Amino acid sequence: MTLKIGIAGYGVVGKRRRDHIDPRDDMAVVAVCDRVFEHDGAFDDGVRHYCSYPDLLNEDLDALFVCLTNDIAPEVTIAGLKRGLHVFCEKPPGQTVTDIERVIAAERAHPGLKLKYGFNHRYHDSVRDALEIVRSGRFGQVLHMRGVYGKSKFISFGQDSSWRVKREVAGGGILLDQGIHMVDLIRLFAGAEFATVHGFVSNAFWGHDVEDNAFALMKTEAGCVAFLHSTATQWRHRFNLDITLEKGGLILSGILSGSKSYGAETLTVVHPAADDQGDPKEVITRYNTDPSWADEIAEFADAILRGGEISDGTSEDALRTMRLVYDIYRADPEWRARWGL
């Protein structure tokens, strides 16, 4: 069986999704929609294009990829489920926690359908290898983590991203847009939810009505502490997650991305000796390919066609990660009061 795919939102991400769908023999893009089209029509390859998502949903589809702005993504995800379609939606799942709660209600009303969210960073090989080490238990429990994820501005690399700085469309700034990946990974490696959250949120530099920096200090009931800095004033783009365990450590540095601006993707495994003097043995692995886009689509296809599980990027993952994002927002009393959070 070949799944007939529609893509709602045919910008940078929507086109990238198609780039990884087209090589598959069990999926075929039949139609897309985007507001940039001047009229409905078809590409030279026969794929039809529409100006609005209701017209796309009138197509004979099996599954829908939602690559839209945060204000409309929940609406279209719910519409797809009600139409009887399996849905893959990009992160974040919406502007607010309420948005994902509404989606989950629709998901529960259609239990035969698969819903997956694009928490793409979970599928990078460096992350998967690090998680395997943590879950093996050979280095003991995670004691604490320090994560930094940042870029130099919201709008970059020639993208039409102006909506990202408009609160009425985006709902939030750098933390919700990019930092949500680091929030998700910290939750993943902690293996538990954070019971205590302290935060400082600011838009002091760029002056948009969404945050350009967010700092968080968080602690689980078991005592695992994590520090997070999500920033749009990181002049040298940076991705780094330092994980300290009882008997060693892991350092995730760099992430392969479309911009190629975050440096080499590496995993450093730290092996302290019994007489450790602070200069331990380290084994560094460099990753030169990014299978994440293809692999998460493969999991989605397998879940639909062969009854496989959505193991990463479930609606529950999306809900819990969104809750933590908003816990960080609300932890800053000035930010909470300013936006009525």
Protein backbone atom coordinates (compact mmCIF):
# COMPACT_ATOMS: atom_id res chain seq x y z
CA MET A 1 0.00 0.00 0.00
CA THR A 2 1.18 3.51 -0.81
CA LEU A 3 -0.02 6.18 1.61
CA LYS A 4 -1.44 9.28 -0.08
CA ILE A 5 0.11 12.28 1.69
CA GLY A 6 -0.98 15.90 1.93
CA ILE A 7 1.31 18.64 3.26
CA ALA A 8 -0.29 21.68 4.90
CA GLY A 9 2.31 24.44 4.81
CA TYR A 10 4.76 24.26 1.94
CA GLY A 11 7.59 26.44 3.17
CA VAL A 12 11.11 25.40 4.16
CA VAL A 13 9.98 22.62 6.51
CA GLY A 14 7.13 21.37 4.34
CA LYS A 15 9.46 21.07 1.36
CA ARG A 16 12.06 19.30 3.47
CA ARG A 17 9.43 16.81 4.60
CA ARG A 18 8.58 16.13 0.98
CA ASP A 19 12.26 15.64 0.16
CA HIS A 20 12.26 12.69 2.59
CA ILE A 21 8.84 11.35 1.61
CA ASP A 22 9.46 11.23 -2.15
CA PRO A 23 12.19 8.54 -2.04
CA ARG A 24 9.89 6.14 -0.18
CA ASP A 25 7.83 3.55 -2.04
CA ASP A 26 5.14 3.42 0.66
CA MET A 27 4.31 7.16 0.62
CA ALA A 28 3.43 9.60 -2.14
CA VAL A 29 2.71 13.32 -1.85
CA VAL A 30 -0.44 14.02 -3.85
CA ALA A 31 -1.26 17.59 -2.76
CA VAL A 32 0.02 20.53 -0.72
CA CYS A 33 -1.33 23.86 0.44
CA ASP A 34 0.22 27.18 1.33
CA ARG A 35 -1.01 30.76 1.49
CA VAL A 36 1.80 31.88 -0.85
CA PHE A 37 0.14 30.25 -3.86
CA GLU A 38 -1.74 32.81 -5.94
CA HIS A 39 -4.25 30.23 -7.13
CA ASP A 40 -5.00 26.51 -6.98
CA GLY A 41 -3.26 24.35 -9.54
CA ALA A 42 -0.69 21.63 -10.03
CA PHE A 43 3.08 21.35 -10.25
CA ASP A 44 4.73 19.86 -13.32
CA ASP A 45 4.95 16.50 -11.55
CA GLY A 46 1.18 16.40 -11.05
CA VAL A 47 1.13 17.21 -7.32
CA ARG A 48 -1.77 19.58 -6.75
CA HIS A 49 -1.42 22.79 -4.76
CA TYR A 50 -4.06 24.82 -2.95
CA CYS A 51 -4.24 28.18 -1.23
CA SER A 52 -6.15 26.91 1.83
CA TYR A 53 -6.12 23.80 3.95
CA PRO A 54 -9.88 22.95 3.66
CA ASP A 55 -9.36 22.43 -0.07
CA LEU A 56 -6.37 20.21 0.68
CA LEU A 57 -8.48 18.14 3.07
CA ASN A 58 -11.03 17.54 0.32
CA GLU A 59 -8.37 15.47 -1.45
CA ASP A 60 -8.32 11.68 -1.15
CA LEU A 61 -5.61 11.42 1.53
CA ASP A 62 -4.40 8.86 4.05
CA ALA A 63 -2.14 11.11 6.10
CA LEU A 64 -1.46 14.78 6.63
CA PHE A 65 1.78 16.59 7.46
CA VAL A 66 1.14 19.88 9.28
CA CYS A 67 3.98 22.37 8.77
CA LEU A 68 2.13 25.57 9.64
CA THR A 69 2.49 28.50 12.02
CA ASN A 70 1.77 27.90 15.70
CA ASP A 71 -1.55 29.74 15.69
CA ILE A 72 -3.17 27.43 13.14
CA ALA A 73 -1.30 24.12 13.56
CA PRO A 74 -3.65 22.78 16.28
CA GLU A 75 -6.74 23.69 14.24
CA VAL A 76 -5.46 21.88 11.15
CA THR A 77 -4.26 18.87 13.17
CA ILE A 78 -7.72 18.50 14.69
CA ALA A 79 -9.35 18.97 11.29
CA GLY A 80 -7.15 16.24 9.86
CA LEU A 81 -8.07 13.82 12.63
CA LYS A 82 -11.76 14.57 12.18
CA ARG A 83 -11.31 13.90 8.48
CA GLY A 84 -10.03 10.43 9.38
CA LEU A 85 -6.38 11.13 8.57
CA HIS A 86 -3.22 10.12 10.35
CA VAL A 87 -1.36 13.32 11.25
CA PHE A 88 2.30 14.29 11.60
CA CYS A 89 2.60 17.80 13.07
CA GLU A 90 5.75 19.86 13.51
CA LYS A 91 6.75 21.23 16.90
CA PRO A 92 5.56 23.16 18.81
CA PRO A 93 2.06 21.64 18.96
CA GLY A 94 0.53 25.10 19.21
CA GLN A 95 0.81 28.36 21.08
CA THR A 96 -0.29 27.10 24.50
CA VAL A 97 -0.79 24.00 26.64
CA THR A 98 -4.52 24.30 26.00
CA ASP A 99 -3.86 23.85 22.28
CA ILE A 100 -2.27 20.42 22.72
CA GLU A 101 -4.95 19.43 25.22
CA ARG A 102 -7.59 20.15 22.54
CA VAL A 103 -5.65 18.06 20.05
CA ILE A 104 -5.40 15.15 22.50
CA ALA A 105 -9.17 15.26 23.02
CA ALA A 106 -9.60 14.90 19.25
CA GLU A 107 -7.00 12.11 19.15
CA ARG A 108 -8.87 10.17 21.82
CA ALA A 109 -12.07 10.54 19.84
CA HIS A 110 -10.33 8.82 16.90
CA PRO A 111 -8.35 5.98 18.53
CA GLY A 112 -7.59 4.23 15.24
CA LEU A 113 -5.50 7.12 13.94
CA LYS A 114 -1.81 7.82 14.47
CA LEU A 115 -0.63 11.24 15.66
CA LYS A 116 3.05 12.15 15.80
CA TYR A 117 4.95 15.35 16.57
CA GLY A 118 8.24 16.32 14.95
CA PHE A 119 10.65 16.43 17.88
CA ASN A 120 13.38 15.92 15.34
CA HIS A 121 16.39 16.14 17.66
CA ARG A 122 15.52 12.82 19.32
CA TYR A 123 16.41 11.11 16.05
CA HIS A 124 19.96 12.41 15.76
CA ASP A 125 22.44 9.56 16.18
CA SER A 126 24.44 11.42 18.83
CA VAL A 127 21.31 11.80 20.96
CA ARG A 128 20.26 8.19 20.43
CA ASP A 129 23.73 6.90 21.37
CA ALA A 130 23.82 9.08 24.49
CA LEU A 131 20.36 7.93 25.55
CA GLU A 132 21.39 4.30 25.12
CA ILE A 133 24.34 4.89 27.46
CA VAL A 134 22.16 6.59 30.08
CA ARG A 135 19.50 3.87 29.95
CA SER A 136 22.11 1.10 30.19
CA GLY A 137 22.88 2.27 33.72
CA ARG A 138 26.60 1.57 33.42
CA PHE A 139 27.48 5.12 34.45
CA GLY A 140 24.81 5.28 37.15
CA GLN A 141 22.06 7.85 37.49
CA VAL A 142 21.97 11.32 35.96
CA LEU A 143 23.02 13.85 38.61
CA HIS A 144 22.68 17.11 36.70
CA MET A 145 22.58 18.66 33.21
CA ARG A 146 23.51 21.95 31.59
CA GLY A 147 21.96 22.79 28.25
CA VAL A 148 22.52 25.76 25.92
CA TYR A 149 20.77 26.17 22.59
CA GLY A 150 21.05 29.47 20.81
CA LYS A 151 21.26 31.42 17.61
CA SER A 152 21.96 35.06 16.86
CA LYS A 153 18.49 36.22 15.82
CA PHE A 154 14.99 34.99 15.09
CA ILE A 155 14.97 35.61 11.33
CA SER A 156 17.89 34.15 9.45
CA PHE A 157 19.13 32.25 6.43
CA GLY A 158 16.80 34.05 4.02
CA GLN A 159 13.66 32.49 5.47
CA ASP A 160 10.36 34.34 5.64
CA SER A 161 10.19 33.94 9.39
CA SER A 162 8.70 37.25 10.48
CA TRP A 163 5.76 35.43 12.07
CA ARG A 164 8.17 34.03 14.67
CA VAL A 165 8.42 37.43 16.39
CA LYS A 166 4.66 38.09 16.47
CA ARG A 167 3.10 36.89 19.68
CA GLU A 168 -0.38 36.67 18.16
CA VAL A 169 0.96 34.10 15.67
CA ALA A 170 3.85 32.37 17.42
CA GLY A 171 2.62 32.47 21.02
CA GLY A 172 6.20 32.61 22.30
CA GLY A 173 9.74 33.34 21.22
CA ILE A 174 13.06 31.52 21.20
CA LEU A 175 12.14 29.12 24.01
CA LEU A 176 8.95 27.91 22.32
CA ASP A 177 10.42 27.94 18.81
CA GLN A 178 13.92 26.48 19.17
CA GLY A 179 14.51 25.94 22.88
CA ILE A 180 11.62 23.47 23.00
CA HIS A 181 14.00 20.91 21.48
CA MET A 182 16.40 21.29 24.42
CA VAL A 183 13.49 21.23 26.89
CA ASP A 184 12.35 17.96 25.32
CA LEU A 185 15.84 16.41 25.46
CA ILE A 186 16.39 17.42 29.08
CA ARG A 187 13.09 15.79 30.00
CA LEU A 188 14.10 12.71 28.02
CA PHE A 189 17.48 12.29 29.72
CA ALA A 190 16.11 13.09 33.19
CA GLY A 191 13.59 10.28 32.81
CA ALA A 192 11.19 12.19 35.06
CA GLU A 193 9.28 15.43 35.18
CA PHE A 194 10.64 18.52 36.90
CA ALA A 195 8.78 19.36 40.08
CA THR A 196 10.54 22.65 40.82
CA VAL A 197 11.20 25.29 38.18
CA HIS A 198 12.86 28.69 38.52
CA GLY A 199 13.12 30.96 35.52
CA PHE A 200 14.10 34.29 34.08
CA VAL A 201 12.65 35.36 30.74
CA SER A 202 13.55 38.51 28.81
CA ASN A 203 13.11 40.33 25.51
CA ALA A 204 15.58 43.07 26.47
CA PHE A 205 17.81 42.93 23.40
CA TRP A 206 15.73 42.47 20.24
CA GLY A 207 12.66 44.16 21.72
CA HIS A 208 10.06 41.92 20.07
CA ASP A 209 6.96 41.04 22.06
CA VAL A 210 8.32 37.49 22.45
CA GLU A 211 11.33 36.41 24.51
CA ASP A 212 14.85 36.47 23.12
CA ASN A 213 16.35 34.77 26.19
CA ALA A 214 15.09 32.27 28.72
CA PHE A 215 17.03 30.81 31.66
CA ALA A 216 15.72 27.96 33.78
CA LEU A 217 16.92 26.01 36.81
CA MET A 218 14.87 22.87 37.41
CA LYS A 219 14.82 19.91 39.78
CA THR A 220 13.05 16.55 39.74
CA GLU A 221 11.58 14.91 42.84
CA ALA A 222 14.56 12.51 42.78
CA GLY A 223 17.02 15.41 42.88
CA CYS A 224 18.25 15.64 39.28
CA VAL A 225 18.99 19.31 38.56
CA ALA A 226 19.05 20.85 35.07
CA PHE A 227 20.06 24.29 33.85
CA LEU A 228 18.77 25.56 30.49
CA HIS A 229 19.62 28.65 28.46
CA SER A 230 17.57 29.24 25.30
CA THR A 231 18.79 32.33 23.47
CA ALA A 232 18.51 34.48 20.37
CA THR A 233 21.65 36.44 21.29
CA GLN A 234 24.18 33.64 20.78
CA TRP A 235 26.43 35.23 18.18
CA ARG A 236 28.25 31.98 17.59
CA HIS A 237 25.38 29.51 17.18
CA ARG A 238 25.57 26.82 19.81
CA PHE A 239 24.03 23.49 20.79
CA ASN A 240 25.47 21.87 23.90
CA LEU A 241 24.09 19.48 26.50
CA ASP A 242 26.43 18.39 29.30
CA ILE A 243 25.13 15.38 31.26
CA THR A 244 26.85 14.40 34.50
CA LEU A 245 26.26 10.88 35.79
CA GLU A 246 27.43 9.13 38.96
CA LYS A 247 30.31 7.33 37.20
CA GLY A 248 31.02 9.45 34.14
CA GLY A 249 29.59 12.01 31.81
CA LEU A 250 28.28 12.74 28.34
CA ILE A 251 28.66 15.90 26.29
CA LEU A 252 26.47 16.47 23.25
CA SER A 253 27.94 19.28 21.18
CA GLY A 254 26.86 20.65 17.83
CA ILE A 255 23.86 19.52 15.83
CA LEU A 256 23.65 18.84 12.12
CA SER A 257 21.09 21.25 10.72
CA GLY A 258 20.06 22.89 7.50
CA SER A 259 22.00 26.03 8.41
CA LYS A 260 25.26 24.12 9.10
CA SER A 261 26.00 26.80 11.70
CA TYR A 262 26.07 24.77 14.92
CA GLY A 263 29.41 23.07 14.31
CA ALA A 264 30.31 19.41 14.12
CA GLU A 265 27.89 17.04 15.83
CA THR A 266 29.81 15.08 18.46
CA LEU A 267 29.25 12.93 21.51
CA THR A 268 31.98 12.93 24.16
CA VAL A 269 31.94 10.06 26.66
CA VAL A 270 33.83 10.92 29.84
CA HIS A 271 35.45 8.04 31.81
CA PRO A 272 36.80 9.31 35.15
CA ALA A 273 39.43 7.12 36.83
CA ALA A 274 39.46 6.09 40.48
CA ASP A 275 42.24 8.64 41.15
CA ASP A 276 40.61 11.26 38.97
CA GLN A 277 42.42 14.59 38.86
CA GLY A 278 39.90 16.39 36.64
CA ASP A 279 41.48 15.37 33.34
CA PRO A 280 39.73 12.09 32.52
CA LYS A 281 39.82 9.82 29.52
CA GLU A 282 37.40 11.04 26.86
CA VAL A 283 36.15 9.24 23.77
CA ILE A 284 34.76 11.55 21.10
CA THR A 285 32.53 10.36 18.26
CA ARG A 286 31.77 12.66 15.34
CA TYR A 287 28.59 12.22 13.32
CA ASN A 288 28.69 13.26 9.68
CA THR A 289 25.17 12.40 8.51
CA ASP A 290 21.74 13.36 9.76
CA PRO A 291 19.21 10.49 9.54
CA SER A 292 16.67 12.25 11.75
CA TRP A 293 14.25 13.52 9.10
CA ALA A 294 14.08 10.20 7.28
CA ASP A 295 13.92 8.10 10.45
CA GLU A 296 11.02 9.91 12.09
CA ILE A 297 9.02 9.70 8.87
CA ALA A 298 9.87 5.99 8.70
CA GLU A 299 8.48 5.50 12.21
CA PHE A 300 5.28 7.31 11.26
CA ALA A 301 4.83 5.17 8.12
CA ASP A 302 5.53 1.96 10.06
CA ALA A 303 2.95 2.89 12.70
CA ILE A 304 0.29 3.42 10.03
CA LEU A 305 1.06 0.51 7.72
CA ARG A 306 2.29 -2.16 10.10
CA GLY A 307 0.81 -1.21 13.46
CA GLY A 308 4.09 0.01 14.91
CA GLU A 309 4.26 2.34 17.88
CA ILE A 310 4.88 6.06 17.94
CA SER A 311 7.78 5.82 20.39
CA ASP A 312 9.04 9.40 20.14
CA GLY A 313 7.03 12.53 19.52
CA THR A 314 3.77 11.23 20.96
CA SER A 315 1.03 13.65 21.93
CA GLU A 316 1.96 12.93 25.56
CA ASP A 317 5.55 13.98 24.82
CA ALA A 318 4.22 17.17 23.27
CA LEU A 319 1.93 17.87 26.23
CA ARG A 320 4.59 17.33 28.91
CA THR A 321 7.19 19.37 27.02
CA MET A 322 4.74 22.23 26.48
CA ARG A 323 3.86 22.17 30.18
CA LEU A 324 7.52 22.54 31.09
CA VAL A 325 7.98 25.40 28.60
CA TYR A 326 5.08 27.22 30.23
CA ASP A 327 6.35 26.38 33.72
CA ILE A 328 9.52 28.25 32.73
CA TYR A 329 7.51 31.22 31.43
CA ARG A 330 5.40 31.35 34.60
CA ALA A 331 8.46 30.99 36.86
CA ASP A 332 9.44 34.56 36.01
CA PRO A 333 6.90 36.69 37.93
CA GLU A 334 7.34 39.73 35.67
CA TRP A 335 6.89 37.69 32.49
CA ARG A 336 3.91 35.87 33.99
CA ALA A 337 2.21 39.14 34.94
CA ARG A 338 3.03 40.83 31.65
CA TRP A 339 1.34 38.16 29.53
CA GLY A 340 -1.23 36.87 32.02
CA LEU A 341 0.23 33.37 32.10
